[in-house]
Amino acid sequence: MNPVPVPASVPVPESASVPVPESVPESVLASAPVLLWCVSTRAPDRVVRAARLLLPAADRERMARLRYRTDQDAFALSRAVLRRCLGALTGEAPAELRFTRRDNGKPEVAGAGQGSGLAFSLSHTAGLTLLAVTWGGPVGIDVERVRQVAAARIAARYFPADEAAAVAARSGHEAWDRFFRLWVRKEACVKVWGGRLREGLRTPVHLAVPGPATVQGPGGRLWRVRDLACAAAPYRAAVALPREARPPYVTIRQKSVAELLEGDPTGGGGRRCTLNAP
């Protein structure tokens, strides 16, 4: 959900130092069913310039259509996070990665090689980008900055009646927080199965269920969605996976965008977050 206006062209610097990653060992690829990067995108100008250099012409054209410089910078940083991390995992130069879309609209890395079977989901909001990567199965991720919105009105229009009532039962920040907690669960589900967000907003995501919730998607397939604690206040985030995914945990790597773009995106370890517990 990103109700922000659009475009103005900004020149892209001709040079900056951006390291090209090497291929990541199979032991790293197999270390978790989900790798999740939680990246702070508050960055100095030199990092924004480096991020822009990672973008191919198509991404730069999309960026130029955004109206505000802050939105252009956020787009450049989030796309650079995507390219830097996927480049490290596939052994490809970040700027040379190509993407295609499946019939359901989900993006994927084009071509075979080490990245074959890799699935990813990207989400960004003011000051934060989340990237989730899996092998052999889909994943959906979403993050939103909790902010003032017409929570009760939007929920009444798009959410199931019991969820709309749960939002309306609160006021002020509590209502906005509950609204965005529901929203990110729904958007993560839509991203994992593919489709239209408007339709996914009607899907019950069982806010009262502690820990992960089982959600029924299109065709009756079951999925698992849970809140993520990697994004502290004022953010809400959620990840969705096939219900049958095993073992159900994510490894979270928290970095600043400067650390990620200028260092090793796969280094620094991480902490595990089980999907079977609150």
C-alpha atoms as a PDB file:
ATOM      1  CA  MET A   1       0.000   0.000   0.000  1.00  0.00           C
ATOM      2  CA  ASN A   2       1.751   3.136  -1.188  1.00  0.00           C
ATOM      3  CA  PRO A   3      -0.487   6.140  -1.835  1.00  0.00           C
ATOM      4  CA  VAL A   4       2.370   8.354  -3.085  1.00  0.00           C
ATOM      5  CA  PRO A   5       2.249  10.629  -6.177  1.00  0.00           C
ATOM      6  CA  VAL A   6       4.560  10.110  -9.233  1.00  0.00           C
ATOM      7  CA  PRO A   7       7.666  11.394 -11.546  1.00  0.00           C
ATOM      8  CA  ALA A   8      10.650  13.801 -12.264  1.00  0.00           C
ATOM      9  CA  SER A   9      13.918  12.858 -13.833  1.00  0.00           C
ATOM     10  CA  VAL A  10      17.099  12.939 -11.785  1.00  0.00           C
ATOM     11  CA  PRO A  11      20.579  12.588 -13.352  1.00  0.00           C
ATOM     12  CA  VAL A  12      22.468   9.405 -12.517  1.00  0.00           C
ATOM     13  CA  PRO A  13      26.163   9.759 -11.603  1.00  0.00           C
ATOM     14  CA  GLU A  14      28.567   8.160 -14.072  1.00  0.00           C
ATOM     15  CA  SER A  15      30.782   6.353 -11.594  1.00  0.00           C
ATOM     16  CA  ALA A  16      30.903   5.018  -8.060  1.00  0.00           C
ATOM     17  CA  SER A  17      32.521   2.030  -6.432  1.00  0.00           C
ATOM     18  CA  VAL A  18      30.126  -0.906  -6.093  1.00  0.00           C
ATOM     19  CA  PRO A  19      31.682  -4.334  -5.468  1.00  0.00           C
ATOM     20  CA  VAL A  20      30.526  -7.251  -7.637  1.00  0.00           C
ATOM     21  CA  PRO A  21      29.688 -10.250  -5.411  1.00  0.00           C
ATOM     22  CA  GLU A  22      31.083 -13.718  -5.824  1.00  0.00           C
ATOM     23  CA  SER A  23      28.942 -16.836  -5.922  1.00  0.00           C
ATOM     24  CA  VAL A  24      27.697 -18.052  -2.530  1.00  0.00           C
ATOM     25  CA  PRO A  25      28.562 -21.627  -1.396  1.00  0.00           C
ATOM     26  CA  GLU A  26      25.828 -24.274  -1.473  1.00  0.00           C
ATOM     27  CA  SER A  27      26.091 -24.572   2.334  1.00  0.00           C
ATOM     28  CA  VAL A  28      24.841 -20.999   2.653  1.00  0.00           C
ATOM     29  CA  LEU A  29      22.032 -21.554   0.147  1.00  0.00           C
ATOM     30  CA  ALA A  30      20.813 -24.599   2.078  1.00  0.00           C
ATOM     31  CA  SER A  31      21.146 -23.036   5.538  1.00  0.00           C
ATOM     32  CA  ALA A  32      17.519 -21.859   5.784  1.00  0.00           C
ATOM     33  CA  PRO A  33      14.253 -22.319   3.912  1.00  0.00           C
ATOM     34  CA  VAL A  34      13.919 -18.518   3.971  1.00  0.00           C
ATOM     35  CA  LEU A  35      16.654 -15.886   3.999  1.00  0.00           C
ATOM     36  CA  LEU A  36      15.296 -12.509   5.022  1.00  0.00           C
ATOM     37  CA  TRP A  37      17.128  -9.211   4.798  1.00  0.00           C
ATOM     38  CA  CYS A  38      15.746  -6.392   6.948  1.00  0.00           C
ATOM     39  CA  VAL A  39      17.498  -3.289   5.610  1.00  0.00           C
ATOM     40  CA  SER A  40      17.369   0.253   6.945  1.00  0.00           C
ATOM     41  CA  THR A  41      17.297   2.496   3.874  1.00  0.00           C
ATOM     42  CA  ARG A  42      18.079   5.774   5.585  1.00  0.00           C
ATOM     43  CA  ALA A  43      21.287   6.528   3.727  1.00  0.00           C
ATOM     44  CA  PRO A  44      23.741   9.337   2.856  1.00  0.00           C
ATOM     45  CA  ASP A  45      23.961  10.663  -0.705  1.00  0.00           C
ATOM     46  CA  ARG A  46      27.010   8.547  -1.595  1.00  0.00           C
ATOM     47  CA  VAL A  47      25.040   5.364  -0.886  1.00  0.00           C
ATOM     48  CA  VAL A  48      22.065   6.572  -2.928  1.00  0.00           C
ATOM     49  CA  ARG A  49      24.433   7.316  -5.820  1.00  0.00           C
ATOM     50  CA  ALA A  50      25.918   3.815  -5.548  1.00  0.00           C
ATOM     51  CA  ALA A  51      22.422   2.321  -5.477  1.00  0.00           C
ATOM     52  CA  ARG A  52      21.445   4.138  -8.656  1.00  0.00           C
ATOM     53  CA  LEU A  53      24.484   2.720 -10.427  1.00  0.00           C
ATOM     54  CA  LEU A  54      23.226  -0.816  -9.824  1.00  0.00           C
ATOM     55  CA  LEU A  55      20.045  -0.104 -11.783  1.00  0.00           C
ATOM     56  CA  PRO A  56      19.731  -0.971 -15.482  1.00  0.00           C
ATOM     57  CA  ALA A  57      17.970   1.363 -17.902  1.00  0.00           C
ATOM     58  CA  ALA A  58      14.510  -0.126 -17.311  1.00  0.00           C
ATOM     59  CA  ASP A  59      14.734   0.447 -13.546  1.00  0.00           C
ATOM     60  CA  ARG A  60      16.039   3.983 -14.083  1.00  0.00           C
ATOM     61  CA  GLU A  61      13.085   4.738 -16.333  1.00  0.00           C
ATOM     62  CA  ARG A  62      10.675   3.489 -13.659  1.00  0.00           C
ATOM     63  CA  MET A  63      12.496   5.597 -11.079  1.00  0.00           C
ATOM     64  CA  ALA A  64      12.331   8.702 -13.281  1.00  0.00           C
ATOM     65  CA  ARG A  65       8.541   8.403 -13.476  1.00  0.00           C
ATOM     66  CA  LEU A  66       8.262   8.972  -9.723  1.00  0.00           C
ATOM     67  CA  ARG A  67       7.352  12.526  -8.881  1.00  0.00           C
ATOM     68  CA  TYR A  68       9.334  13.154  -5.702  1.00  0.00           C
ATOM     69  CA  ARG A  69      13.060  12.803  -5.152  1.00  0.00           C
ATOM     70  CA  THR A  70      12.466  10.965  -1.865  1.00  0.00           C
ATOM     71  CA  ASP A  71      10.377   8.352  -3.681  1.00  0.00           C
ATOM     72  CA  GLN A  72      13.013   8.028  -6.388  1.00  0.00           C
ATOM     73  CA  ASP A  73      15.711   7.457  -3.766  1.00  0.00           C
ATOM     74  CA  ALA A  74      13.566   4.877  -1.932  1.00  0.00           C
ATOM     75  CA  PHE A  75      12.942   3.034  -5.205  1.00  0.00           C
ATOM     76  CA  ALA A  76      16.642   3.056  -6.112  1.00  0.00           C
ATOM     77  CA  LEU A  77      17.676   1.773  -2.676  1.00  0.00           C
ATOM     78  CA  SER A  78      15.095  -1.027  -2.567  1.00  0.00           C
ATOM     79  CA  ARG A  79      15.934  -2.203  -6.101  1.00  0.00           C
ATOM     80  CA  ALA A  80      19.640  -2.058  -5.250  1.00  0.00           C
ATOM     81  CA  VAL A  81      19.006  -4.236  -2.179  1.00  0.00           C
ATOM     82  CA  LEU A  82      17.210  -6.732  -4.433  1.00  0.00           C
ATOM     83  CA  ARG A  83      19.954  -6.783  -7.055  1.00  0.00           C
ATOM     84  CA  ARG A  84      22.830  -6.861  -4.576  1.00  0.00           C
ATOM     85  CA  CYS A  85      21.431  -9.777  -2.571  1.00  0.00           C
ATOM     86  CA  LEU A  86      20.249 -11.817  -5.550  1.00  0.00           C
ATOM     87  CA  GLY A  87      23.542 -11.132  -7.288  1.00  0.00           C
ATOM     88  CA  ALA A  88      25.405 -12.539  -4.294  1.00  0.00           C
ATOM     89  CA  LEU A  89      23.222 -15.648  -4.284  1.00  0.00           C
ATOM     90  CA  THR A  90      23.383 -16.338  -8.020  1.00  0.00           C
ATOM     91  CA  GLY A  91      26.915 -15.157  -8.850  1.00  0.00           C
ATOM     92  CA  GLU A  92      25.569 -12.608 -11.337  1.00  0.00           C
ATOM     93  CA  ALA A  93      26.604  -8.951 -11.490  1.00  0.00           C
ATOM     94  CA  PRO A  94      23.740  -7.006  -9.818  1.00  0.00           C
ATOM     95  CA  ALA A  95      23.129  -4.692 -12.788  1.00  0.00           C
ATOM     96  CA  GLU A  96      22.975  -7.661 -15.188  1.00  0.00           C
ATOM     97  CA  LEU A  97      20.214  -9.596 -13.411  1.00  0.00           C
ATOM     98  CA  ARG A  98      17.089  -9.951 -15.537  1.00  0.00           C
ATOM     99  CA  PHE A  99      13.575 -10.604 -14.285  1.00  0.00           C
ATOM    100  CA  THR A 100      10.492 -12.147 -15.837  1.00  0.00           C
ATOM    101  CA  ARG A 101       6.925 -12.603 -14.594  1.00  0.00           C
ATOM    102  CA  ARG A 102       4.914 -15.767 -14.289  1.00  0.00           C
ATOM    103  CA  ASP A 103       1.325 -16.007 -15.467  1.00  0.00           C
ATOM    104  CA  ASN A 104       0.133 -15.097 -11.949  1.00  0.00           C
ATOM    105  CA  GLY A 105       2.237 -11.923 -12.005  1.00  0.00           C
ATOM    106  CA  LYS A 106       4.938 -13.091  -9.590  1.00  0.00           C
ATOM    107  CA  PRO A 107       8.437 -11.910 -10.611  1.00  0.00           C
ATOM    108  CA  GLU A 108      11.356 -14.333 -10.869  1.00  0.00           C
ATOM    109  CA  VAL A 109      15.012 -14.274 -11.860  1.00  0.00           C
ATOM    110  CA  ALA A 110      15.380 -15.056 -15.585  1.00  0.00           C
ATOM    111  CA  GLY A 111      17.658 -17.882 -16.693  1.00  0.00           C
ATOM    112  CA  ALA A 112      19.024 -20.982 -15.013  1.00  0.00           C
ATOM    113  CA  GLY A 113      22.350 -21.584 -13.276  1.00  0.00           C
ATOM    114  CA  GLN A 114      22.863 -21.327  -9.527  1.00  0.00           C
ATOM    115  CA  GLY A 115      19.791 -19.127  -9.178  1.00  0.00           C
ATOM    116  CA  SER A 116      17.474 -21.757 -10.664  1.00  0.00           C
ATOM    117  CA  GLY A 117      14.614 -22.540  -8.298  1.00  0.00           C
ATOM    118  CA  LEU A 118      15.152 -19.309  -6.400  1.00  0.00           C
ATOM    119  CA  ALA A 119      12.022 -17.379  -5.408  1.00  0.00           C
ATOM    120  CA  PHE A 120      11.925 -13.957  -3.801  1.00  0.00           C
ATOM    121  CA  SER A 121       9.619 -11.251  -2.509  1.00  0.00           C
ATOM    122  CA  LEU A 122      10.483  -7.582  -1.997  1.00  0.00           C
ATOM    123  CA  SER A 123       8.701  -4.896  -0.002  1.00  0.00           C
ATOM    124  CA  HIS A 124       9.655  -1.393   1.039  1.00  0.00           C
ATOM    125  CA  THR A 125       8.175   1.451   2.996  1.00  0.00           C
ATOM    126  CA  ALA A 126       9.555   4.699   4.408  1.00  0.00           C
ATOM    127  CA  GLY A 127      13.015   3.924   5.809  1.00  0.00           C
ATOM    128  CA  LEU A 128      12.891   0.113   5.518  1.00  0.00           C
ATOM    129  CA  THR A 129      13.191  -2.612   2.866  1.00  0.00           C
ATOM    130  CA  LEU A 130      12.515  -6.325   3.377  1.00  0.00           C
ATOM    131  CA  LEU A 131      13.706  -9.005   0.962  1.00  0.00           C
ATOM    132  CA  ALA A 132      12.803 -12.686   1.401  1.00  0.00           C
ATOM    133  CA  VAL A 133      14.455 -15.453  -0.642  1.00  0.00           C
ATOM    134  CA  THR A 134      13.598 -19.164  -0.786  1.00  0.00           C
ATOM    135  CA  TRP A 135      14.562 -22.157  -2.906  1.00  0.00           C
ATOM    136  CA  GLY A 136      12.019 -24.548  -4.366  1.00  0.00           C
ATOM    137  CA  GLY A 137       8.851 -22.746  -3.286  1.00  0.00           C
ATOM    138  CA  PRO A 138       7.143 -19.331  -3.271  1.00  0.00           C
ATOM    139  CA  VAL A 139       7.354 -16.686  -0.539  1.00  0.00           C
ATOM    140  CA  GLY A 140       5.500 -13.433   0.128  1.00  0.00           C
ATOM    141  CA  ILE A 141       6.680 -10.540   2.290  1.00  0.00           C
ATOM    142  CA  ASP A 142       5.216  -7.158   3.159  1.00  0.00           C
ATOM    143  CA  VAL A 143       6.174  -4.257   5.414  1.00  0.00           C
ATOM    144  CA  GLU A 144       4.376  -1.004   6.145  1.00  0.00           C
ATOM    145  CA  ARG A 145       5.169   1.984   8.325  1.00  0.00           C
ATOM    146  CA  VAL A 146       2.301   2.443  10.777  1.00  0.00           C
ATOM    147  CA  ARG A 147       0.836   5.850  10.074  1.00  0.00           C
ATOM    148  CA  GLN A 148      -2.408   7.797  10.225  1.00  0.00           C
ATOM    149  CA  VAL A 149      -4.977   6.480   7.750  1.00  0.00           C
ATOM    150  CA  ALA A 150      -8.770   6.205   7.601  1.00  0.00           C
ATOM    151  CA  ALA A 151      -8.390   2.722   9.098  1.00  0.00           C
ATOM    152  CA  ALA A 152     -12.007   2.002  10.001  1.00  0.00           C
ATOM    153  CA  ARG A 153     -13.365   3.286   6.673  1.00  0.00           C
ATOM    154  CA  ILE A 154     -10.878   1.324   4.532  1.00  0.00           C
ATOM    155  CA  ALA A 155     -11.338  -1.832   6.605  1.00  0.00           C
ATOM    156  CA  ALA A 156     -15.129  -1.587   6.362  1.00  0.00           C
ATOM    157  CA  ARG A 157     -14.882  -1.341   2.578  1.00  0.00           C
ATOM    158  CA  TYR A 158     -12.334  -4.081   1.893  1.00  0.00           C
ATOM    159  CA  PHE A 159     -11.850  -6.413   4.902  1.00  0.00           C
ATOM    160  CA  PRO A 160     -14.128  -9.235   6.148  1.00  0.00           C
ATOM    161  CA  ALA A 161     -16.748  -7.971   8.617  1.00  0.00           C
ATOM    162  CA  ASP A 162     -15.085  -9.374  11.752  1.00  0.00           C
ATOM    163  CA  GLU A 163     -11.722  -7.823  10.858  1.00  0.00           C
ATOM    164  CA  ALA A 164     -13.351  -4.481  10.063  1.00  0.00           C
ATOM    165  CA  ALA A 165     -15.071  -4.604  13.452  1.00  0.00           C
ATOM    166  CA  ALA A 166     -11.758  -5.366  15.165  1.00  0.00           C
ATOM    167  CA  VAL A 167     -10.239  -2.235  13.609  1.00  0.00           C
ATOM    168  CA  ALA A 168     -13.294  -0.092  14.406  1.00  0.00           C
ATOM    169  CA  ALA A 169     -13.115  -1.214  18.060  1.00  0.00           C
ATOM    170  CA  ARG A 170      -9.886   0.767  18.478  1.00  0.00           C
ATOM    171  CA  SER A 171      -9.068   4.439  17.969  1.00  0.00           C
ATOM    172  CA  GLY A 172      -6.009   6.485  17.100  1.00  0.00           C
ATOM    173  CA  HIS A 173      -2.678   4.679  16.947  1.00  0.00           C
ATOM    174  CA  GLU A 174      -4.163   1.394  18.181  1.00  0.00           C
ATOM    175  CA  ALA A 175      -6.569   1.363  15.221  1.00  0.00           C
ATOM    176  CA  TRP A 176      -3.815   2.218  12.721  1.00  0.00           C
ATOM    177  CA  ASP A 177      -1.534  -0.464  14.177  1.00  0.00           C
ATOM    178  CA  ARG A 178      -4.254  -3.128  13.997  1.00  0.00           C
ATOM    179  CA  PHE A 179      -5.158  -2.073  10.461  1.00  0.00           C
ATOM    180  CA  PHE A 180      -1.582  -2.359   9.192  1.00  0.00           C
ATOM    181  CA  ARG A 181      -1.026  -5.650  10.995  1.00  0.00           C
ATOM    182  CA  LEU A 182      -3.964  -7.051   9.017  1.00  0.00           C
ATOM    183  CA  TRP A 183      -2.863  -5.312   5.828  1.00  0.00           C
ATOM    184  CA  VAL A 184       0.679  -6.725   5.759  1.00  0.00           C
ATOM    185  CA  ARG A 185      -0.617 -10.250   6.400  1.00  0.00           C
ATOM    186  CA  LYS A 186      -3.019  -9.921   3.473  1.00  0.00           C
ATOM    187  CA  GLU A 187      -0.462  -8.432   1.102  1.00  0.00           C
ATOM    188  CA  ALA A 188       2.123 -11.088   2.035  1.00  0.00           C
ATOM    189  CA  CYS A 189      -0.472 -13.755   1.173  1.00  0.00           C
ATOM    190  CA  VAL A 190      -1.290 -12.161  -2.176  1.00  0.00           C
ATOM    191  CA  LYS A 191       2.420 -11.982  -2.983  1.00  0.00           C
ATOM    192  CA  VAL A 192       3.005 -15.657  -2.159  1.00  0.00           C
ATOM    193  CA  TRP A 193       0.173 -16.984  -4.319  1.00  0.00           C
ATOM    194  CA  GLY A 194       0.071 -14.222  -6.967  1.00  0.00           C
ATOM    195  CA  GLY A 195      -2.996 -12.253  -7.978  1.00  0.00           C
ATOM    196  CA  ARG A 196      -4.747  -8.966  -7.302  1.00  0.00           C
ATOM    197  CA  LEU A 197      -4.399  -7.213  -3.941  1.00  0.00           C
ATOM    198  CA  ARG A 198      -7.988  -5.935  -4.014  1.00  0.00           C
ATOM    199  CA  GLU A 199      -9.274  -9.514  -4.066  1.00  0.00           C
ATOM    200  CA  GLY A 200      -6.803 -10.646  -1.400  1.00  0.00           C
ATOM    201  CA  LEU A 201      -8.010  -8.003   1.046  1.00  0.00           C
ATOM    202  CA  ARG A 202     -11.208 -10.035   1.495  1.00  0.00           C
ATOM    203  CA  THR A 203      -9.216 -13.081   2.652  1.00  0.00           C
ATOM    204  CA  PRO A 204      -9.474 -13.697   6.439  1.00  0.00           C
ATOM    205  CA  VAL A 205      -5.995 -13.695   8.033  1.00  0.00           C
ATOM    206  CA  HIS A 206      -7.025 -14.628  11.589  1.00  0.00           C
ATOM    207  CA  LEU A 207      -5.559 -11.783  13.620  1.00  0.00           C
ATOM    208  CA  ALA A 208      -6.636 -13.394  16.916  1.00  0.00           C
ATOM    209  CA  VAL A 209      -4.556 -16.530  16.234  1.00  0.00           C
ATOM    210  CA  PRO A 210      -1.285 -16.434  18.237  1.00  0.00           C
ATOM    211  CA  GLY A 211       1.797 -17.113  16.130  1.00  0.00           C
ATOM    212  CA  PRO A 212       1.340 -18.260  12.532  1.00  0.00           C
ATOM    213  CA  ALA A 213      -2.126 -18.456  11.000  1.00  0.00           C
ATOM    214  CA  THR A 214      -3.317 -20.853   8.294  1.00  0.00           C
ATOM    215  CA  VAL A 215      -4.949 -19.007   5.411  1.00  0.00           C
ATOM    216  CA  GLN A 216      -6.929 -20.503   2.532  1.00  0.00           C
ATOM    217  CA  GLY A 217      -5.938 -19.092  -0.842  1.00  0.00           C
ATOM    218  CA  PRO A 218      -7.204 -19.510  -4.405  1.00  0.00           C
ATOM    219  CA  GLY A 219      -8.148 -23.071  -5.312  1.00  0.00           C
ATOM    220  CA  GLY A 220      -8.382 -24.021  -1.643  1.00  0.00           C
ATOM    221  CA  ARG A 221      -4.598 -24.257  -1.154  1.00  0.00           C
ATOM    222  CA  LEU A 222      -3.454 -23.588   2.403  1.00  0.00           C
ATOM    223  CA  TRP A 223      -0.726 -21.113   3.319  1.00  0.00           C
ATOM    224  CA  ARG A 224       1.003 -20.065   6.536  1.00  0.00           C
ATOM    225  CA  VAL A 225       1.327 -16.363   7.424  1.00  0.00           C
ATOM    226  CA  ARG A 226       2.870 -14.771  10.493  1.00  0.00           C
ATOM    227  CA  ASP A 227       3.946 -11.412  11.812  1.00  0.00           C
ATOM    228  CA  LEU A 228       7.671 -10.635  11.762  1.00  0.00           C
ATOM    229  CA  ALA A 229       9.435  -9.064  14.720  1.00  0.00           C
ATOM    230  CA  CYS A 230      12.393  -7.958  12.588  1.00  0.00           C
ATOM    231  CA  ALA A 231      10.652  -4.662  11.927  1.00  0.00           C
ATOM    232  CA  ALA A 232      10.303  -2.775  15.207  1.00  0.00           C
ATOM    233  CA  ALA A 233       7.811   0.045  15.777  1.00  0.00           C
ATOM    234  CA  PRO A 234       6.619   2.011  13.885  1.00  0.00           C
ATOM    235  CA  TYR A 235       6.592  -0.856  11.360  1.00  0.00           C
ATOM    236  CA  ARG A 236       4.443  -3.923  10.807  1.00  0.00           C
ATOM    237  CA  ALA A 237       5.657  -6.829   8.673  1.00  0.00           C
ATOM    238  CA  ALA A 238       4.539 -10.348   7.744  1.00  0.00           C
ATOM    239  CA  VAL A 239       5.802 -13.324   5.753  1.00  0.00           C
ATOM    240  CA  ALA A 240       3.732 -16.002   3.990  1.00  0.00           C
ATOM    241  CA  LEU A 241       4.811 -19.478   2.829  1.00  0.00           C
ATOM    242  CA  PRO A 242       3.158 -22.675   1.615  1.00  0.00           C
ATOM    243  CA  ARG A 243       1.708 -24.458   4.636  1.00  0.00           C
ATOM    244  CA  GLU A 244       3.689 -27.583   3.791  1.00  0.00           C
ATOM    245  CA  ALA A 245       7.066 -25.757   3.832  1.00  0.00           C
ATOM    246  CA  ARG A 246       9.557 -27.511   6.150  1.00  0.00           C
ATOM    247  CA  PRO A 247      11.419 -26.717   8.319  1.00  0.00           C
ATOM    248  CA  PRO A 248       9.360 -23.594   8.982  1.00  0.00           C
ATOM    249  CA  TYR A 249      11.831 -20.930  10.042  1.00  0.00           C
ATOM    250  CA  VAL A 250      13.470 -17.844   8.569  1.00  0.00           C
ATOM    251  CA  THR A 251      16.998 -16.572   9.062  1.00  0.00           C
ATOM    252  CA  ILE A 252      16.954 -12.807   9.478  1.00  0.00           C
ATOM    253  CA  ARG A 253      19.891 -10.594   8.557  1.00  0.00           C
ATOM    254  CA  GLN A 254      19.515  -7.001   9.724  1.00  0.00           C
ATOM    255  CA  LYS A 255      21.731  -4.462   7.986  1.00  0.00           C
ATOM    256  CA  SER A 256      21.910  -0.851   6.962  1.00  0.00           C
ATOM    257  CA  VAL A 257      21.760  -0.260   3.224  1.00  0.00           C
ATOM    258  CA  ALA A 258      25.341   1.061   3.346  1.00  0.00           C
ATOM    259  CA  GLU A 259      26.576  -2.193   4.937  1.00  0.00           C
ATOM    260  CA  LEU A 260      24.705  -4.234   2.356  1.00  0.00           C
ATOM    261  CA  LEU A 261      25.809  -2.317  -0.733  1.00  0.00           C
ATOM    262  CA  GLU A 262      29.419  -1.820   0.339  1.00  0.00           C
ATOM    263  CA  GLY A 263      30.059  -5.177   2.044  1.00  0.00           C
ATOM    264  CA  ASP A 264      28.997  -8.814   1.849  1.00  0.00           C
ATOM    265  CA  PRO A 265      25.187  -9.099   1.839  1.00  0.00           C
ATOM    266  CA  THR A 266      25.315 -12.758   2.910  1.00  0.00           C
ATOM    267  CA  GLY A 267      27.779 -12.247   5.762  1.00  0.00           C
ATOM    268  CA  GLY A 268      27.232 -11.362   9.384  1.00  0.00           C
ATOM    269  CA  GLY A 269      25.181 -14.400  10.383  1.00  0.00           C
ATOM    270  CA  GLY A 270      21.586 -13.892  11.385  1.00  0.00           C
ATOM    271  CA  ARG A 271      18.966 -15.015  13.857  1.00  0.00           C
ATOM    272  CA  ARG A 272      16.366 -17.694  13.322  1.00  0.00           C
ATOM    273  CA  CYS A 273      12.664 -17.015  13.704  1.00  0.00           C
ATOM    274  CA  THR A 274      10.455 -20.105  13.824  1.00  0.00           C
ATOM    275  CA  LEU A 275       7.135 -20.082  11.988  1.00  0.00           C
ATOM    276  CA  ASN A 276       5.589 -22.555  14.433  1.00  0.00           C
ATOM    277  CA  ALA A 277       5.646 -20.338  17.513  1.00  0.00           C
ATOM    278  CA  PRO A 278       4.368 -16.866  18.406  1.00  0.00           C
END
